[in-house]
Amino acid sequence: MGLTMSHRELIKFLETNGFSFIRAKGGSHQIYSNGKYTVPIPVHGKKDFSEDFLRMVLRETGISKTDLIDYLNR
């Protein structure tokens, strides 16, 4: 995959896939849910998320890798 994503890009991607902000957890995590899946997204300033973290998010949300690649290629 060889991908990285910023915090804002990941949030926009989740929102386009039906996820919405639920709450902030201690100021260092934001919780997003689509009613079926819930995923915490850490907030670490301008640091990009690694490919491993993105894979974990896809696994926890049920979103396919193809959807992520299509989103990034638009």
PDB file of N, CA and C in Angstrom:
ATOM      1  N   MET A   1       0.843  -1.174   0.000  1.00  0.00           N
ATOM      2  CA  MET A   1       0.000   0.000   0.000  1.00  0.00           C
ATOM      3  C   MET A   1       0.887   1.236   0.000  1.00  0.00           C
ATOM      4  N   GLY A   2       1.867   1.363   0.891  1.00  0.00           N
ATOM      5  CA  GLY A   2       2.791   2.484   0.884  1.00  0.00           C
ATOM      6  C   GLY A   2       2.135   3.837   1.094  1.00  0.00           C
ATOM      7  N   LEU A   3       1.115   3.912   1.935  1.00  0.00           N
ATOM      8  CA  LEU A   3       0.349   5.138   2.105  1.00  0.00           C
ATOM      9  C   LEU A   3       0.561   5.753   3.478  1.00  0.00           C
ATOM     10  N   THR A   4       0.486   7.059   3.535  1.00  0.00           N
ATOM     11  CA  THR A   4       0.399   7.787   4.795  1.00  0.00           C
ATOM     12  C   THR A   4      -0.700   8.822   4.616  1.00  0.00           C
ATOM     13  N   MET A   5      -1.245   9.283   5.721  1.00  0.00           N
ATOM     14  CA  MET A   5      -2.341  10.241   5.688  1.00  0.00           C
ATOM     15  C   MET A   5      -2.257  11.155   6.881  1.00  0.00           C
ATOM     16  N   SER A   6      -2.646  12.393   6.684  1.00  0.00           N
ATOM     17  CA  SER A   6      -2.702  13.321   7.811  1.00  0.00           C
ATOM     18  C   SER A   6      -3.985  13.072   8.604  1.00  0.00           C
ATOM     19  N   HIS A   7      -4.042  13.638   9.781  1.00  0.00           N
ATOM     20  CA  HIS A   7      -5.220  13.524  10.646  1.00  0.00           C
ATOM     21  C   HIS A   7      -6.462  14.051   9.931  1.00  0.00           C
ATOM     22  N   ARG A   8      -6.352  15.217   9.323  1.00  0.00           N
ATOM     23  CA  ARG A   8      -7.502  15.827   8.637  1.00  0.00           C
ATOM     24  C   ARG A   8      -7.974  14.999   7.454  1.00  0.00           C
ATOM     25  N   GLU A   9      -7.028  14.453   6.688  1.00  0.00           N
ATOM     26  CA  GLU A   9      -7.401  13.610   5.544  1.00  0.00           C
ATOM     27  C   GLU A   9      -8.156  12.369   6.011  1.00  0.00           C
ATOM     28  N   LEU A  10      -7.682  11.751   7.085  1.00  0.00           N
ATOM     29  CA  LEU A  10      -8.335  10.552   7.597  1.00  0.00           C
ATOM     30  C   LEU A  10      -9.744  10.860   8.085  1.00  0.00           C
ATOM     31  N   ILE A  11      -9.919  11.976   8.771  1.00  0.00           N
ATOM     32  CA  ILE A  11     -11.248  12.374   9.248  1.00  0.00           C
ATOM     33  C   ILE A  11     -12.190  12.602   8.070  1.00  0.00           C
ATOM     34  N   LYS A  12     -11.732  13.296   7.032  1.00  0.00           N
ATOM     35  CA  LYS A  12     -12.563  13.533   5.842  1.00  0.00           C
ATOM     36  C   LYS A  12     -12.940  12.216   5.174  1.00  0.00           C
ATOM     37  N   PHE A  13     -11.975  11.294   5.097  1.00  0.00           N
ATOM     38  CA  PHE A  13     -12.243   9.982   4.516  1.00  0.00           C
ATOM     39  C   PHE A  13     -13.318   9.242   5.313  1.00  0.00           C
ATOM     40  N   LEU A  14     -13.193   9.230   6.632  1.00  0.00           N
ATOM     41  CA  LEU A  14     -14.191   8.561   7.464  1.00  0.00           C
ATOM     42  C   LEU A  14     -15.564   9.209   7.301  1.00  0.00           C
ATOM     43  N   GLU A  15     -15.608  10.532   7.252  1.00  0.00           N
ATOM     44  CA  GLU A  15     -16.889  11.226   7.106  1.00  0.00           C
ATOM     45  C   GLU A  15     -17.545  10.922   5.760  1.00  0.00           C
ATOM     46  N   THR A  16     -16.760  10.769   4.702  1.00  0.00           N
ATOM     47  CA  THR A  16     -17.343  10.413   3.399  1.00  0.00           C
ATOM     48  C   THR A  16     -17.861   8.977   3.393  1.00  0.00           C
ATOM     49  N   ASN A  17     -17.437   8.183   4.361  1.00  0.00           N
ATOM     50  CA  ASN A  17     -17.898   6.799   4.482  1.00  0.00           C
ATOM     51  C   ASN A  17     -18.933   6.638   5.590  1.00  0.00           C
ATOM     52  N   GLY A  18     -19.597   7.714   5.965  1.00  0.00           N
ATOM     53  CA  GLY A  18     -20.716   7.639   6.895  1.00  0.00           C
ATOM     54  C   GLY A  18     -20.383   7.757   8.366  1.00  0.00           C
ATOM     55  N   PHE A  19     -19.134   8.038   8.718  1.00  0.00           N
ATOM     56  CA  PHE A  19     -18.750   8.182  10.117  1.00  0.00           C
ATOM     57  C   PHE A  19     -18.950   9.623  10.555  1.00  0.00           C
ATOM     58  N   SER A  20     -19.265   9.806  11.830  1.00  0.00           N
ATOM     59  CA  SER A  20     -19.415  11.153  12.371  1.00  0.00           C
ATOM     60  C   SER A  20     -18.746  11.231  13.744  1.00  0.00           C
ATOM     61  N   PHE A  21     -18.392  12.446  14.108  1.00  0.00           N
ATOM     62  CA  PHE A  21     -17.716  12.702  15.373  1.00  0.00           C
ATOM     63  C   PHE A  21     -18.658  12.391  16.520  1.00  0.00           C
ATOM     64  N   ILE A  22     -18.184  11.634  17.506  1.00  0.00           N
ATOM     65  CA  ILE A  22     -18.982  11.303  18.690  1.00  0.00           C
ATOM     66  C   ILE A  22     -18.515  12.129  19.884  1.00  0.00           C
ATOM     67  N   ARG A  23     -17.224  12.053  20.182  1.00  0.00           N
ATOM     68  CA  ARG A  23     -16.696  12.809  21.316  1.00  0.00           C
ATOM     69  C   ARG A  23     -15.171  12.823  21.262  1.00  0.00           C
ATOM     70  N   ALA A  24     -14.601  13.719  22.040  1.00  0.00           N
ATOM     71  CA  ALA A  24     -13.149  13.761  22.218  1.00  0.00           C
ATOM     72  C   ALA A  24     -12.837  13.037  23.519  1.00  0.00           C
ATOM     73  N   LYS A  25     -11.773  12.278  23.524  1.00  0.00           N
ATOM     74  CA  LYS A  25     -11.410  11.486  24.700  1.00  0.00           C
ATOM     75  C   LYS A  25     -10.106  12.046  25.262  1.00  0.00           C
ATOM     76  N   GLY A  26     -10.179  12.828  26.296  1.00  0.00           N
ATOM     77  CA  GLY A  26      -8.987  13.337  26.963  1.00  0.00           C
ATOM     78  C   GLY A  26      -8.158  14.299  26.148  1.00  0.00           C
ATOM     79  N   GLY A  27      -8.674  14.794  25.053  1.00  0.00           N
ATOM     80  CA  GLY A  27      -7.938  15.759  24.246  1.00  0.00           C
ATOM     81  C   GLY A  27      -6.922  15.149  23.309  1.00  0.00           C
ATOM     82  N   SER A  28      -6.641  13.849  23.445  1.00  0.00           N
ATOM     83  CA  SER A  28      -5.646  13.239  22.579  1.00  0.00           C
ATOM     84  C   SER A  28      -6.257  12.256  21.575  1.00  0.00           C
ATOM     85  N   HIS A  29      -7.549  11.979  21.694  1.00  0.00           N
ATOM     86  CA  HIS A  29      -8.238  11.090  20.763  1.00  0.00           C
ATOM     87  C   HIS A  29      -9.610  11.665  20.427  1.00  0.00           C
ATOM     88  N   GLN A  30     -10.037  11.427  19.196  1.00  0.00           N
ATOM     89  CA  GLN A  30     -11.393  11.755  18.780  1.00  0.00           C
ATOM     90  C   GLN A  30     -12.070  10.454  18.405  1.00  0.00           C
ATOM     91  N   ILE A  31     -13.300  10.272  18.852  1.00  0.00           N
ATOM     92  CA  ILE A  31     -14.027   9.038  18.612  1.00  0.00           C
ATOM     93  C   ILE A  31     -15.031   9.278  17.484  1.00  0.00           C
ATOM     94  N   TYR A  32     -14.984   8.414  16.458  1.00  0.00           N
ATOM     95  CA  TYR A  32     -15.892   8.495  15.318  1.00  0.00           C
ATOM     96  C   TYR A  32     -16.664   7.194  15.211  1.00  0.00           C
ATOM     97  N   SER A  33     -17.925   7.292  14.768  1.00  0.00           N
ATOM     98  CA  SER A  33     -18.763   6.106  14.651  1.00  0.00           C
ATOM     99  C   SER A  33     -19.728   6.250  13.486  1.00  0.00           C
ATOM    100  N   ASN A  34     -20.140   5.107  12.923  1.00  0.00           N
ATOM    101  CA  ASN A  34     -21.182   5.111  11.903  1.00  0.00           C
ATOM    102  C   ASN A  34     -22.416   4.357  12.393  1.00  0.00           C
ATOM    103  N   GLY A  35     -22.479   4.082  13.675  1.00  0.00           N
ATOM    104  CA  GLY A  35     -23.591   3.349  14.255  1.00  0.00           C
ATOM    105  C   GLY A  35     -23.300   1.865  14.410  1.00  0.00           C
ATOM    106  N   LYS A  36     -22.447   1.336  13.546  1.00  0.00           N
ATOM    107  CA  LYS A  36     -22.070  -0.072  13.618  1.00  0.00           C
ATOM    108  C   LYS A  36     -20.645  -0.232  14.134  1.00  0.00           C
ATOM    109  N   TYR A  37     -19.750   0.592  13.625  1.00  0.00           N
ATOM    110  CA  TYR A  37     -18.340   0.552  14.010  1.00  0.00           C
ATOM    111  C   TYR A  37     -17.954   1.858  14.699  1.00  0.00           C
ATOM    112  N   THR A  38     -17.069   1.760  15.672  1.00  0.00           N
ATOM    113  CA  THR A  38     -16.545   2.926  16.375  1.00  0.00           C
ATOM    114  C   THR A  38     -15.030   2.836  16.367  1.00  0.00           C
ATOM    115  N   VAL A  39     -14.374   3.967  16.075  1.00  0.00           N
ATOM    116  CA  VAL A  39     -12.914   3.965  15.990  1.00  0.00           C
ATOM    117  C   VAL A  39     -12.347   5.225  16.632  1.00  0.00           C
ATOM    118  N   PRO A  40     -11.327   5.068  17.492  1.00  0.00           N
ATOM    119  CA  PRO A  40     -10.653   6.249  18.044  1.00  0.00           C
ATOM    120  C   PRO A  40      -9.552   6.701  17.082  1.00  0.00           C
ATOM    121  N   ILE A  41      -9.456   8.005  16.876  1.00  0.00           N
ATOM    122  CA  ILE A  41      -8.424   8.578  16.021  1.00  0.00           C
ATOM    123  C   ILE A  41      -7.545   9.475  16.890  1.00  0.00           C
ATOM    124  N   PRO A  42      -6.273   9.126  17.051  1.00  0.00           N
ATOM    125  CA  PRO A  42      -5.382   9.954  17.866  1.00  0.00           C
ATOM    126  C   PRO A  42      -5.083  11.281  17.178  1.00  0.00           C
ATOM    127  N   VAL A  43      -4.882  12.303  17.991  1.00  0.00           N
ATOM    128  CA  VAL A  43      -4.541  13.629  17.474  1.00  0.00           C
ATOM    129  C   VAL A  43      -3.107  13.919  17.895  1.00  0.00           C
ATOM    130  N   HIS A  44      -2.206  13.931  16.916  1.00  0.00           N
ATOM    131  CA  HIS A  44      -0.791  14.152  17.201  1.00  0.00           C
ATOM    132  C   HIS A  44      -0.231  15.257  16.326  1.00  0.00           C
ATOM    133  N   GLY A  45      -0.925  16.373  16.288  1.00  0.00           N
ATOM    134  CA  GLY A  45      -0.448  17.517  15.521  1.00  0.00           C
ATOM    135  C   GLY A  45      -0.374  17.242  14.035  1.00  0.00           C
ATOM    136  N   LYS A  46       0.749  17.564  13.430  1.00  0.00           N
ATOM    137  CA  LYS A  46       0.894  17.437  11.988  1.00  0.00           C
ATOM    138  C   LYS A  46       1.547  16.132  11.547  1.00  0.00           C
ATOM    139  N   LYS A  47       1.762  15.226  12.460  1.00  0.00           N
ATOM    140  CA  LYS A  47       2.394  13.953  12.144  1.00  0.00           C
ATOM    141  C   LYS A  47       1.426  13.066  11.339  1.00  0.00           C
ATOM    142  N   ASP A  48       1.903  12.517  10.217  1.00  0.00           N
ATOM    143  CA  ASP A  48       1.079  11.640   9.390  1.00  0.00           C
ATOM    144  C   ASP A  48       0.936  10.268  10.032  1.00  0.00           C
ATOM    145  N   PHE A  49      -0.205   9.618   9.728  1.00  0.00           N
ATOM    146  CA  PHE A  49      -0.435   8.261  10.200  1.00  0.00           C
ATOM    147  C   PHE A  49       0.300   7.280   9.295  1.00  0.00           C
ATOM    148  N   SER A  50       0.834   6.235   9.883  1.00  0.00           N
ATOM    149  CA  SER A  50       1.578   5.228   9.133  1.00  0.00           C
ATOM    150  C   SER A  50       0.621   4.290   8.399  1.00  0.00           C
ATOM    151  N   GLU A  51       1.197   3.532   7.495  1.00  0.00           N
ATOM    152  CA  GLU A  51       0.431   2.529   6.754  1.00  0.00           C
ATOM    153  C   GLU A  51      -0.166   1.493   7.694  1.00  0.00           C
ATOM    154  N   ASP A  52       0.576   1.085   8.705  1.00  0.00           N
ATOM    155  CA  ASP A  52       0.076   0.103   9.668  1.00  0.00           C
ATOM    156  C   ASP A  52      -1.142   0.628  10.414  1.00  0.00           C
ATOM    157  N   PHE A  53      -1.100   1.894  10.820  1.00  0.00           N
ATOM    158  CA  PHE A  53      -2.240   2.476  11.521  1.00  0.00           C
ATOM    159  C   PHE A  53      -3.453   2.546  10.591  1.00  0.00           C
ATOM    160  N   LEU A  54      -3.236   2.947   9.338  1.00  0.00           N
ATOM    161  CA  LEU A  54      -4.348   3.021   8.390  1.00  0.00           C
ATOM    162  C   LEU A  54      -4.964   1.646   8.157  1.00  0.00           C
ATOM    163  N   ARG A  55      -4.146   0.605   8.082  1.00  0.00           N
ATOM    164  CA  ARG A  55      -4.662  -0.761   7.945  1.00  0.00           C
ATOM    165  C   ARG A  55      -5.534  -1.133   9.138  1.00  0.00           C
ATOM    166  N   MET A  56      -5.091  -0.748  10.336  1.00  0.00           N
ATOM    167  CA  MET A  56      -5.861  -1.039  11.546  1.00  0.00           C
ATOM    168  C   MET A  56      -7.211  -0.319  11.504  1.00  0.00           C
ATOM    169  N   VAL A  57      -7.218   0.939  11.067  1.00  0.00           N
ATOM    170  CA  VAL A  57      -8.469   1.693  10.977  1.00  0.00           C
ATOM    171  C   VAL A  57      -9.404   1.027   9.974  1.00  0.00           C
ATOM    172  N   LEU A  58      -8.884   0.621   8.824  1.00  0.00           N
ATOM    173  CA  LEU A  58      -9.716  -0.049   7.825  1.00  0.00           C
ATOM    174  C   LEU A  58     -10.300  -1.335   8.383  1.00  0.00           C
ATOM    175  N   ARG A  59      -9.510  -2.093   9.102  1.00  0.00           N
ATOM    176  CA  ARG A  59      -9.978  -3.349   9.695  1.00  0.00           C
ATOM    177  C   ARG A  59     -11.072  -3.080  10.728  1.00  0.00           C
ATOM    178  N   GLU A  60     -10.889  -2.061  11.574  1.00  0.00           N
ATOM    179  CA  GLU A  60     -11.862  -1.753  12.632  1.00  0.00           C
ATOM    180  C   GLU A  60     -13.146  -1.134  12.098  1.00  0.00           C
ATOM    181  N   THR A  61     -13.091  -0.504  10.931  1.00  0.00           N
ATOM    182  CA  THR A  61     -14.267   0.170  10.387  1.00  0.00           C
ATOM    183  C   THR A  61     -14.984  -0.633   9.322  1.00  0.00           C
ATOM    184  N   GLY A  62     -14.365  -1.692   8.824  1.00  0.00           N
ATOM    185  CA  GLY A  62     -14.987  -2.487   7.780  1.00  0.00           C
ATOM    186  C   GLY A  62     -14.909  -1.845   6.405  1.00  0.00           C
ATOM    187  N   ILE A  63     -14.079  -0.833   6.247  1.00  0.00           N
ATOM    188  CA  ILE A  63     -13.906  -0.161   4.960  1.00  0.00           C
ATOM    189  C   ILE A  63     -12.777  -0.868   4.207  1.00  0.00           C
ATOM    190  N   SER A  64     -12.958  -1.028   2.905  1.00  0.00           N
ATOM    191  CA  SER A  64     -11.942  -1.746   2.129  1.00  0.00           C
ATOM    192  C   SER A  64     -10.760  -0.852   1.770  1.00  0.00           C
ATOM    193  N   LYS A  65      -9.629  -1.495   1.524  1.00  0.00           N
ATOM    194  CA  LYS A  65      -8.422  -0.784   1.103  1.00  0.00           C
ATOM    195  C   LYS A  65      -8.654  -0.101  -0.242  1.00  0.00           C
ATOM    196  N   THR A  66      -9.450  -0.720  -1.103  1.00  0.00           N
ATOM    197  CA  THR A  66      -9.771  -0.149  -2.406  1.00  0.00           C
ATOM    198  C   THR A  66     -10.500   1.183  -2.248  1.00  0.00           C
ATOM    199  N   ASP A  67     -11.414   1.264  -1.273  1.00  0.00           N
ATOM    200  CA  ASP A  67     -12.124   2.525  -1.023  1.00  0.00           C
ATOM    201  C   ASP A  67     -11.157   3.630  -0.627  1.00  0.00           C
ATOM    202  N   LEU A  68     -10.174   3.300   0.194  1.00  0.00           N
ATOM    203  CA  LEU A  68      -9.181   4.284   0.615  1.00  0.00           C
ATOM    204  C   LEU A  68      -8.337   4.744  -0.568  1.00  0.00           C
ATOM    205  N   ILE A  69      -7.894   3.820  -1.383  1.00  0.00           N
ATOM    206  CA  ILE A  69      -7.072   4.179  -2.550  1.00  0.00           C
ATOM    207  C   ILE A  69      -7.876   5.018  -3.528  1.00  0.00           C
ATOM    208  N   ASP A  70      -9.146   4.651  -3.766  1.00  0.00           N
ATOM    209  CA  ASP A  70     -10.015   5.450  -4.656  1.00  0.00           C
ATOM    210  C   ASP A  70     -10.189   6.860  -4.117  1.00  0.00           C
ATOM    211  N   TYR A  71     -10.363   6.988  -2.800  1.00  0.00           N
ATOM    212  CA  TYR A  71     -10.522   8.305  -2.173  1.00  0.00           C
ATOM    213  C   TYR A  71      -9.272   9.159  -2.378  1.00  0.00           C
ATOM    214  N   LEU A  72      -8.106   8.568  -2.217  1.00  0.00           N
ATOM    215  CA  LEU A  72      -6.855   9.311  -2.350  1.00  0.00           C
ATOM    216  C   LEU A  72      -6.549   9.686  -3.799  1.00  0.00           C
ATOM    217  N   ASN A  73      -7.073   8.921  -4.749  1.00  0.00           N
ATOM    218  CA  ASN A  73      -6.789   9.179  -6.167  1.00  0.00           C
ATOM    219  C   ASN A  73      -7.761  10.143  -6.825  1.00  0.00           C
ATOM    220  N   ARG A  74      -8.736  10.659  -6.092  1.00  0.00           N
ATOM    221  CA  ARG A  74      -9.661  11.599  -6.735  1.00  0.00           C
ATOM    222  C   ARG A  74      -9.089  12.982  -6.786  1.00  0.00           C
TER     223      ARG A  74
END
